[in-house]
Amino acid sequence: MENVIKTFYDAFHKLDAETMASCYHDSIVFEDPAFGILKGEKARNMWRMLCESQKGKNFVVATSNITCDDNKGSAHWEAHYTFSKTGRKVHNIIDAEFIIKDGKIIKHTDTFNLYQWAKQAIGFKGYLLGGTNFFKNKLQSQTHHLLSKFEKNRS
């Protein structure tokens, strides 16, 4: 079987969102601390939005420990980029878990320390609030708003 997770991250290195999206099952469920739960086309559009926003910038992704069989997989990845809202440098360390169905990713869960991310991306406010549910809920509200705006502009 082709390693769908390796294909996904090889495309991510190139910011090739369409290949990334093609690795997802029609019933994909994605989850991470920044977006919460996204299903179907919203999950694919999240990667389209991310890749589009990082083209021509200092975005670097490094992957390791990619495993994949017919049913599940995992990966470790690290992203280095500049957070556009603040201009601050971010080094985010993420562990990903996958469930595979019909050769495609049907569940993708990214886990990272939101508090560490907030301190890097936001600075002092992130240091103060980044570990709170208030911050997490506000961030998810903002990311969903940005994703909705991106989707509206695509159609």
N, C-alpha and C. Protein backbone atom coordinates (compact mmCIF):
# COMPACT_ATOMS: atom_id res chain seq x y z
N MET A 1 0.84 -1.19 0.00
CA MET A 1 0.00 0.00 0.00
C MET A 1 0.88 1.25 0.00
N GLU A 2 0.48 2.22 -0.78
CA GLU A 2 1.19 3.50 -0.79
C GLU A 2 0.99 4.18 0.57
N ASN A 3 2.03 4.80 1.05
CA ASN A 3 1.97 5.47 2.35
C ASN A 3 1.28 6.83 2.16
N VAL A 4 -0.02 6.86 2.43
CA VAL A 4 -0.82 8.07 2.22
C VAL A 4 -0.36 9.21 3.13
N ILE A 5 0.16 8.89 4.29
CA ILE A 5 0.64 9.92 5.22
C ILE A 5 1.92 10.55 4.68
N LYS A 6 2.80 9.73 4.12
CA LYS A 6 4.03 10.29 3.51
C LYS A 6 3.66 11.18 2.32
N THR A 7 2.72 10.74 1.51
CA THR A 7 2.25 11.56 0.39
C THR A 7 1.70 12.90 0.89
N PHE A 8 0.92 12.84 1.96
CA PHE A 8 0.34 14.04 2.55
C PHE A 8 1.43 15.03 2.96
N TYR A 9 2.45 14.56 3.68
CA TYR A 9 3.50 15.47 4.15
C TYR A 9 4.47 15.88 3.05
N ASP A 10 4.72 15.00 2.07
CA ASP A 10 5.53 15.43 0.93
C ASP A 10 4.86 16.61 0.23
N ALA A 11 3.54 16.54 0.10
CA ALA A 11 2.78 17.65 -0.51
C ALA A 11 2.84 18.89 0.38
N PHE A 12 2.76 18.69 1.69
CA PHE A 12 2.82 19.82 2.62
C PHE A 12 4.15 20.55 2.50
N HIS A 13 5.24 19.81 2.34
CA HIS A 13 6.56 20.43 2.15
C HIS A 13 6.54 21.39 0.96
N LYS A 14 5.77 21.03 -0.06
CA LYS A 14 5.68 21.83 -1.29
C LYS A 14 4.52 22.82 -1.26
N LEU A 15 3.78 22.84 -0.14
CA LEU A 15 2.56 23.66 0.00
C LEU A 15 1.57 23.35 -1.11
N ASP A 16 1.47 22.05 -1.45
CA ASP A 16 0.57 21.54 -2.48
C ASP A 16 -0.72 21.07 -1.81
N ALA A 17 -1.62 22.00 -1.57
CA ALA A 17 -2.85 21.70 -0.83
C ALA A 17 -3.76 20.73 -1.56
N GLU A 18 -3.76 20.74 -2.89
CA GLU A 18 -4.66 19.84 -3.62
C GLU A 18 -4.25 18.38 -3.45
N THR A 19 -2.96 18.11 -3.46
CA THR A 19 -2.50 16.75 -3.20
C THR A 19 -2.80 16.37 -1.76
N MET A 20 -2.59 17.30 -0.83
CA MET A 20 -2.93 17.03 0.57
C MET A 20 -4.42 16.67 0.69
N ALA A 21 -5.27 17.48 0.07
CA ALA A 21 -6.72 17.26 0.13
C ALA A 21 -7.10 15.91 -0.48
N SER A 22 -6.37 15.50 -1.51
CA SER A 22 -6.69 14.22 -2.17
C SER A 22 -6.34 13.02 -1.29
N CYS A 23 -5.55 13.22 -0.26
CA CYS A 23 -5.21 12.15 0.67
C CYS A 23 -6.32 11.91 1.70
N TYR A 24 -7.24 12.84 1.78
CA TYR A 24 -8.34 12.76 2.75
C TYR A 24 -9.52 12.00 2.18
N HIS A 25 -10.11 11.16 2.99
CA HIS A 25 -11.35 10.45 2.69
C HIS A 25 -12.49 11.47 2.61
N ASP A 26 -13.54 11.16 1.89
CA ASP A 26 -14.69 12.07 1.80
C ASP A 26 -15.25 12.41 3.17
N SER A 27 -15.16 11.48 4.11
CA SER A 27 -15.71 11.67 5.46
C SER A 27 -14.66 12.09 6.48
N ILE A 28 -13.63 12.80 6.03
CA ILE A 28 -12.52 13.20 6.91
C ILE A 28 -13.03 13.99 8.12
N VAL A 29 -12.40 13.71 9.26
CA VAL A 29 -12.59 14.51 10.47
C VAL A 29 -11.19 14.92 10.93
N PHE A 30 -10.94 16.22 10.93
CA PHE A 30 -9.65 16.78 11.37
C PHE A 30 -9.87 17.47 12.71
N GLU A 31 -8.86 17.39 13.58
CA GLU A 31 -8.95 18.11 14.85
C GLU A 31 -7.57 18.57 15.29
N ASP A 32 -7.53 19.82 15.75
CA ASP A 32 -6.33 20.35 16.40
C ASP A 32 -6.74 21.46 17.36
N PRO A 33 -5.81 21.93 18.21
CA PRO A 33 -6.17 22.95 19.20
C PRO A 33 -6.57 24.30 18.59
N ALA A 34 -6.05 24.63 17.43
CA ALA A 34 -6.32 25.94 16.83
C ALA A 34 -7.66 26.00 16.11
N PHE A 35 -8.06 24.91 15.47
CA PHE A 35 -9.31 24.90 14.70
C PHE A 35 -10.42 24.10 15.37
N GLY A 36 -10.07 23.28 16.32
CA GLY A 36 -11.07 22.37 16.88
C GLY A 36 -11.34 21.27 15.87
N ILE A 37 -12.60 20.94 15.69
CA ILE A 37 -12.99 19.85 14.78
C ILE A 37 -13.48 20.44 13.46
N LEU A 38 -12.92 19.92 12.36
CA LEU A 38 -13.35 20.29 11.01
C LEU A 38 -13.67 19.00 10.26
N LYS A 39 -14.76 19.02 9.49
CA LYS A 39 -15.17 17.83 8.76
C LYS A 39 -15.25 18.11 7.27
N GLY A 40 -14.98 17.06 6.48
CA GLY A 40 -15.17 17.11 5.04
C GLY A 40 -14.41 18.24 4.37
N GLU A 41 -15.14 19.00 3.56
CA GLU A 41 -14.51 20.06 2.75
C GLU A 41 -13.88 21.14 3.62
N LYS A 42 -14.42 21.39 4.81
CA LYS A 42 -13.81 22.38 5.71
C LYS A 42 -12.40 21.97 6.08
N ALA A 43 -12.17 20.69 6.34
CA ALA A 43 -10.83 20.20 6.67
C ALA A 43 -9.89 20.39 5.48
N ARG A 44 -10.36 20.04 4.29
CA ARG A 44 -9.52 20.23 3.09
C ARG A 44 -9.24 21.72 2.85
N ASN A 45 -10.26 22.56 3.05
CA ASN A 45 -10.08 24.00 2.83
C ASN A 45 -9.15 24.64 3.86
N MET A 46 -9.10 24.07 5.05
CA MET A 46 -8.16 24.58 6.05
C MET A 46 -6.73 24.47 5.53
N TRP A 47 -6.40 23.32 4.93
CA TRP A 47 -5.05 23.14 4.37
C TRP A 47 -4.85 24.04 3.15
N ARG A 48 -5.88 24.21 2.34
CA ARG A 48 -5.77 25.13 1.19
C ARG A 48 -5.47 26.55 1.67
N MET A 49 -6.19 26.97 2.70
CA MET A 49 -5.98 28.31 3.25
C MET A 49 -4.57 28.45 3.82
N LEU A 50 -4.14 27.46 4.59
CA LEU A 50 -2.81 27.50 5.20
C LEU A 50 -1.72 27.55 4.13
N CYS A 51 -1.81 26.66 3.16
CA CYS A 51 -0.77 26.62 2.11
C CYS A 51 -0.74 27.92 1.32
N GLU A 52 -1.92 28.42 0.94
CA GLU A 52 -1.98 29.68 0.19
C GLU A 52 -1.36 30.82 0.98
N SER A 53 -1.62 30.86 2.28
CA SER A 53 -1.12 31.97 3.10
C SER A 53 0.39 31.91 3.32
N GLN A 54 1.00 30.74 3.12
CA GLN A 54 2.42 30.60 3.40
C GLN A 54 3.31 30.62 2.15
N LYS A 55 2.71 30.58 0.96
CA LYS A 55 3.51 30.58 -0.27
C LYS A 55 4.34 31.85 -0.36
N GLY A 56 5.63 31.69 -0.68
CA GLY A 56 6.53 32.82 -0.82
C GLY A 56 7.00 33.38 0.51
N LYS A 57 6.72 32.69 1.60
CA LYS A 57 7.15 33.15 2.92
C LYS A 57 8.18 32.18 3.49
N ASN A 58 8.59 32.41 4.71
CA ASN A 58 9.64 31.60 5.34
C ASN A 58 9.09 30.35 6.01
N PHE A 59 8.07 29.74 5.46
CA PHE A 59 7.45 28.57 6.05
C PHE A 59 8.31 27.33 5.79
N VAL A 60 8.63 26.62 6.86
CA VAL A 60 9.39 25.38 6.74
C VAL A 60 8.70 24.33 7.59
N VAL A 61 8.50 23.15 7.02
CA VAL A 61 7.94 22.03 7.78
C VAL A 61 8.94 20.88 7.71
N ALA A 62 9.18 20.26 8.87
CA ALA A 62 10.07 19.10 8.95
C ALA A 62 9.27 17.95 9.54
N THR A 63 9.36 16.79 8.93
CA THR A 63 8.61 15.63 9.39
C THR A 63 9.55 14.51 9.80
N SER A 64 9.09 13.67 10.72
CA SER A 64 9.86 12.49 11.12
C SER A 64 8.90 11.45 11.67
N ASN A 65 9.41 10.26 11.84
CA ASN A 65 8.66 9.16 12.46
C ASN A 65 7.30 8.92 11.81
N ILE A 66 7.25 8.97 10.48
CA ILE A 66 6.00 8.70 9.77
C ILE A 66 5.79 7.20 9.72
N THR A 67 4.64 6.76 10.23
CA THR A 67 4.26 5.35 10.16
C THR A 67 2.88 5.26 9.54
N CYS A 68 2.64 4.16 8.83
CA CYS A 68 1.35 4.00 8.19
C CYS A 68 1.13 2.53 7.84
N ASP A 69 -0.04 2.02 8.19
CA ASP A 69 -0.46 0.71 7.69
C ASP A 69 -1.86 0.87 7.11
N ASP A 70 -2.56 -0.22 6.91
CA ASP A 70 -3.88 -0.14 6.27
C ASP A 70 -4.93 0.54 7.13
N ASN A 71 -4.69 0.64 8.44
CA ASN A 71 -5.72 1.14 9.36
C ASN A 71 -5.37 2.41 10.12
N LYS A 72 -4.09 2.65 10.33
CA LYS A 72 -3.71 3.80 11.17
C LYS A 72 -2.30 4.24 10.83
N GLY A 73 -1.95 5.40 11.41
CA GLY A 73 -0.60 5.91 11.22
C GLY A 73 -0.35 7.06 12.16
N SER A 74 0.88 7.55 12.11
CA SER A 74 1.26 8.69 12.94
C SER A 74 2.44 9.40 12.30
N ALA A 75 2.69 10.59 12.78
CA ALA A 75 3.82 11.38 12.30
C ALA A 75 4.15 12.45 13.34
N HIS A 76 5.39 12.87 13.31
CA HIS A 76 5.83 14.01 14.10
C HIS A 76 6.21 15.07 13.08
N TRP A 77 5.74 16.31 13.31
CA TRP A 77 6.15 17.37 12.40
C TRP A 77 6.35 18.67 13.15
N GLU A 78 7.23 19.48 12.61
CA GLU A 78 7.54 20.77 13.21
C GLU A 78 7.43 21.83 12.13
N ALA A 79 6.77 22.92 12.48
CA ALA A 79 6.58 24.03 11.55
C ALA A 79 7.32 25.26 12.07
N HIS A 80 8.05 25.91 11.18
CA HIS A 80 8.73 27.17 11.48
C HIS A 80 8.14 28.21 10.54
N TYR A 81 7.60 29.29 11.10
CA TYR A 81 6.99 30.32 10.27
C TYR A 81 6.85 31.61 11.07
N THR A 82 6.45 32.65 10.37
CA THR A 82 6.17 33.93 11.01
C THR A 82 4.65 34.08 11.12
N PHE A 83 4.16 34.31 12.33
CA PHE A 83 2.73 34.50 12.54
C PHE A 83 2.35 35.86 11.97
N SER A 84 1.46 35.86 10.98
CA SER A 84 1.19 37.08 10.21
C SER A 84 0.58 38.20 11.04
N LYS A 85 -0.24 37.88 12.03
CA LYS A 85 -0.91 38.93 12.82
C LYS A 85 0.07 39.74 13.66
N THR A 86 1.17 39.10 14.11
CA THR A 86 2.09 39.78 15.03
C THR A 86 3.50 39.94 14.46
N GLY A 87 3.81 39.19 13.40
CA GLY A 87 5.17 39.22 12.86
C GLY A 87 6.16 38.43 13.71
N ARG A 88 5.67 37.67 14.66
CA ARG A 88 6.53 36.90 15.56
C ARG A 88 6.85 35.53 14.97
N LYS A 89 8.07 35.06 15.24
CA LYS A 89 8.52 33.74 14.78
C LYS A 89 7.90 32.65 15.65
N VAL A 90 7.48 31.58 14.99
CA VAL A 90 6.86 30.45 15.68
C VAL A 90 7.58 29.16 15.28
N HIS A 91 7.83 28.33 16.26
CA HIS A 91 8.32 26.96 16.04
C HIS A 91 7.32 26.05 16.75
N ASN A 92 6.40 25.49 15.98
CA ASN A 92 5.35 24.65 16.55
C ASN A 92 5.73 23.18 16.37
N ILE A 93 5.58 22.41 17.45
CA ILE A 93 5.94 20.99 17.47
C ILE A 93 4.64 20.19 17.60
N ILE A 94 4.38 19.36 16.59
CA ILE A 94 3.09 18.70 16.47
C ILE A 94 3.27 17.18 16.35
N ASP A 95 2.40 16.45 17.04
CA ASP A 95 2.29 15.01 16.84
C ASP A 95 0.93 14.75 16.21
N ALA A 96 0.94 13.91 15.18
CA ALA A 96 -0.27 13.62 14.42
C ALA A 96 -0.62 12.14 14.52
N GLU A 97 -1.90 11.87 14.66
CA GLU A 97 -2.42 10.50 14.65
C GLU A 97 -3.44 10.41 13.52
N PHE A 98 -3.45 9.29 12.84
CA PHE A 98 -4.32 9.10 11.68
C PHE A 98 -5.06 7.78 11.76
N ILE A 99 -6.27 7.78 11.24
CA ILE A 99 -7.00 6.55 10.97
C ILE A 99 -7.22 6.50 9.47
N ILE A 100 -6.95 5.33 8.89
CA ILE A 100 -7.00 5.14 7.44
C ILE A 100 -8.20 4.27 7.08
N LYS A 101 -8.92 4.66 6.04
CA LYS A 101 -10.01 3.84 5.51
C LYS A 101 -9.99 3.92 4.00
N ASP A 102 -10.07 2.79 3.34
CA ASP A 102 -10.06 2.74 1.86
C ASP A 102 -8.84 3.44 1.28
N GLY A 103 -7.70 3.35 1.98
CA GLY A 103 -6.46 3.95 1.48
C GLY A 103 -6.35 5.45 1.64
N LYS A 104 -7.32 6.05 2.34
CA LYS A 104 -7.32 7.50 2.57
C LYS A 104 -7.40 7.81 4.06
N ILE A 105 -7.01 9.01 4.41
CA ILE A 105 -7.06 9.45 5.82
C ILE A 105 -8.51 9.84 6.13
N ILE A 106 -9.12 9.15 7.11
CA ILE A 106 -10.50 9.47 7.49
C ILE A 106 -10.55 10.24 8.80
N LYS A 107 -9.51 10.12 9.62
CA LYS A 107 -9.42 10.90 10.86
C LYS A 107 -7.98 11.35 11.04
N HIS A 108 -7.80 12.64 11.28
CA HIS A 108 -6.48 13.25 11.44
C HIS A 108 -6.54 14.15 12.67
N THR A 109 -5.74 13.80 13.67
CA THR A 109 -5.70 14.58 14.90
C THR A 109 -4.28 15.10 15.11
N ASP A 110 -4.14 16.41 15.11
CA ASP A 110 -2.85 17.06 15.42
C ASP A 110 -2.90 17.54 16.86
N THR A 111 -1.85 17.23 17.60
CA THR A 111 -1.75 17.64 19.00
C THR A 111 -0.51 18.49 19.17
N PHE A 112 -0.69 19.65 19.80
CA PHE A 112 0.46 20.49 20.15
C PHE A 112 0.12 21.31 21.38
N ASN A 113 1.14 21.90 21.98
CA ASN A 113 0.97 22.69 23.19
C ASN A 113 0.51 24.10 22.80
N LEU A 114 -0.78 24.34 22.96
CA LEU A 114 -1.35 25.63 22.56
C LEU A 114 -0.76 26.79 23.36
N TYR A 115 -0.45 26.55 24.61
CA TYR A 115 0.15 27.60 25.44
C TYR A 115 1.53 28.00 24.90
N GLN A 116 2.34 27.01 24.54
CA GLN A 116 3.66 27.32 23.97
C GLN A 116 3.51 28.08 22.65
N TRP A 117 2.55 27.64 21.84
CA TRP A 117 2.30 28.32 20.57
C TRP A 117 1.88 29.77 20.82
N ALA A 118 0.95 29.97 21.77
CA ALA A 118 0.43 31.31 22.05
C ALA A 118 1.53 32.26 22.53
N LYS A 119 2.43 31.76 23.38
CA LYS A 119 3.53 32.60 23.86
C LYS A 119 4.41 33.06 22.71
N GLN A 120 4.66 32.16 21.76
CA GLN A 120 5.50 32.51 20.61
C GLN A 120 4.76 33.43 19.64
N ALA A 121 3.53 33.07 19.31
CA ALA A 121 2.79 33.78 18.26
C ALA A 121 2.25 35.12 18.72
N ILE A 122 1.78 35.19 19.96
CA ILE A 122 1.09 36.38 20.45
C ILE A 122 1.98 37.23 21.36
N GLY A 123 2.93 36.60 22.04
CA GLY A 123 3.78 37.33 22.97
C GLY A 123 3.19 37.39 24.36
N PHE A 124 3.24 38.57 24.98
CA PHE A 124 2.85 38.71 26.38
C PHE A 124 1.40 38.30 26.63
N LYS A 125 0.49 38.70 25.75
CA LYS A 125 -0.92 38.29 25.92
C LYS A 125 -1.05 36.77 25.84
N GLY A 126 -0.27 36.15 24.97
CA GLY A 126 -0.26 34.70 24.87
C GLY A 126 0.28 34.06 26.13
N TYR A 127 1.29 34.71 26.73
CA TYR A 127 1.85 34.23 27.99
C TYR A 127 0.79 34.27 29.09
N LEU A 128 0.03 35.35 29.13
CA LEU A 128 -0.99 35.51 30.16
C LEU A 128 -2.22 34.63 29.94
N LEU A 129 -2.69 34.56 28.69
CA LEU A 129 -3.98 33.93 28.41
C LEU A 129 -3.91 32.62 27.64
N GLY A 130 -2.76 32.31 27.06
CA GLY A 130 -2.64 31.17 26.14
C GLY A 130 -3.02 29.83 26.70
N GLY A 131 -2.97 29.67 28.01
CA GLY A 131 -3.32 28.40 28.62
C GLY A 131 -4.77 28.29 29.06
N THR A 132 -5.58 29.28 28.72
CA THR A 132 -6.97 29.30 29.20
C THR A 132 -7.95 28.80 28.14
N ASN A 133 -9.08 28.31 28.59
CA ASN A 133 -10.15 27.92 27.66
C ASN A 133 -10.69 29.14 26.92
N PHE A 134 -10.69 30.30 27.59
CA PHE A 134 -11.11 31.54 26.95
C PHE A 134 -10.28 31.78 25.69
N PHE A 135 -8.95 31.67 25.82
CA PHE A 135 -8.07 31.88 24.67
C PHE A 135 -8.34 30.85 23.57
N LYS A 136 -8.43 29.58 23.96
CA LYS A 136 -8.67 28.51 22.99
C LYS A 136 -9.97 28.74 22.23
N ASN A 137 -11.03 29.09 22.94
CA ASN A 137 -12.33 29.33 22.30
C ASN A 137 -12.28 30.54 21.38
N LYS A 138 -11.60 31.60 21.81
CA LYS A 138 -11.48 32.80 20.98
C LYS A 138 -10.66 32.50 19.72
N LEU A 139 -9.56 31.77 19.89
CA LEU A 139 -8.73 31.40 18.74
C LEU A 139 -9.54 30.56 17.75
N GLN A 140 -10.26 29.57 18.24
CA GLN A 140 -11.06 28.73 17.34
C GLN A 140 -12.15 29.54 16.64
N SER A 141 -12.72 30.49 17.33
CA SER A 141 -13.71 31.37 16.71
C SER A 141 -13.07 32.17 15.57
N GLN A 142 -11.87 32.69 15.82
CA GLN A 142 -11.16 33.48 14.81
C GLN A 142 -10.75 32.62 13.62
N THR A 143 -10.23 31.41 13.89
CA THR A 143 -9.79 30.55 12.78
C THR A 143 -10.99 30.12 11.94
N HIS A 144 -12.13 29.87 12.58
CA HIS A 144 -13.34 29.50 11.82
C HIS A 144 -13.83 30.67 10.98
N HIS A 145 -13.73 31.88 11.52
CA HIS A 145 -14.11 33.07 10.75
C HIS A 145 -13.20 33.22 9.52
N LEU A 146 -11.89 33.06 9.71
CA LEU A 146 -10.95 33.16 8.59
C LEU A 146 -11.22 32.08 7.55
N LEU A 147 -11.52 30.87 8.02
CA LEU A 147 -11.80 29.78 7.09
C LEU A 147 -13.09 30.04 6.31
N SER A 148 -14.11 30.54 6.96
CA SER A 148 -15.37 30.87 6.28
C SER A 148 -15.14 31.95 5.22
N LYS A 149 -14.36 32.96 5.57
CA LYS A 149 -14.02 34.04 4.64
C LYS A 149 -13.25 33.48 3.44
N PHE A 150 -12.29 32.60 3.70
CA PHE A 150 -11.51 31.95 2.64
C PHE A 150 -12.44 31.17 1.72
N GLU A 151 -13.35 30.38 2.31
CA GLU A 151 -14.27 29.57 1.51
C GLU A 151 -15.20 30.45 0.67
N LYS A 152 -15.66 31.54 1.22
CA LYS A 152 -16.55 32.45 0.51
C LYS A 152 -15.81 33.05 -0.71
N ASN A 153 -14.54 33.41 -0.52
CA ASN A 153 -13.76 33.98 -1.61
C ASN A 153 -13.42 32.97 -2.69
N ARG A 154 -13.39 31.69 -2.34
CA ARG A 154 -13.09 30.63 -3.30
C ARG A 154 -14.27 30.35 -4.22
N SER A 155 -15.49 30.60 -3.73
CA SER A 155 -16.67 30.22 -4.52
C SER A 155 -17.15 31.34 -5.43
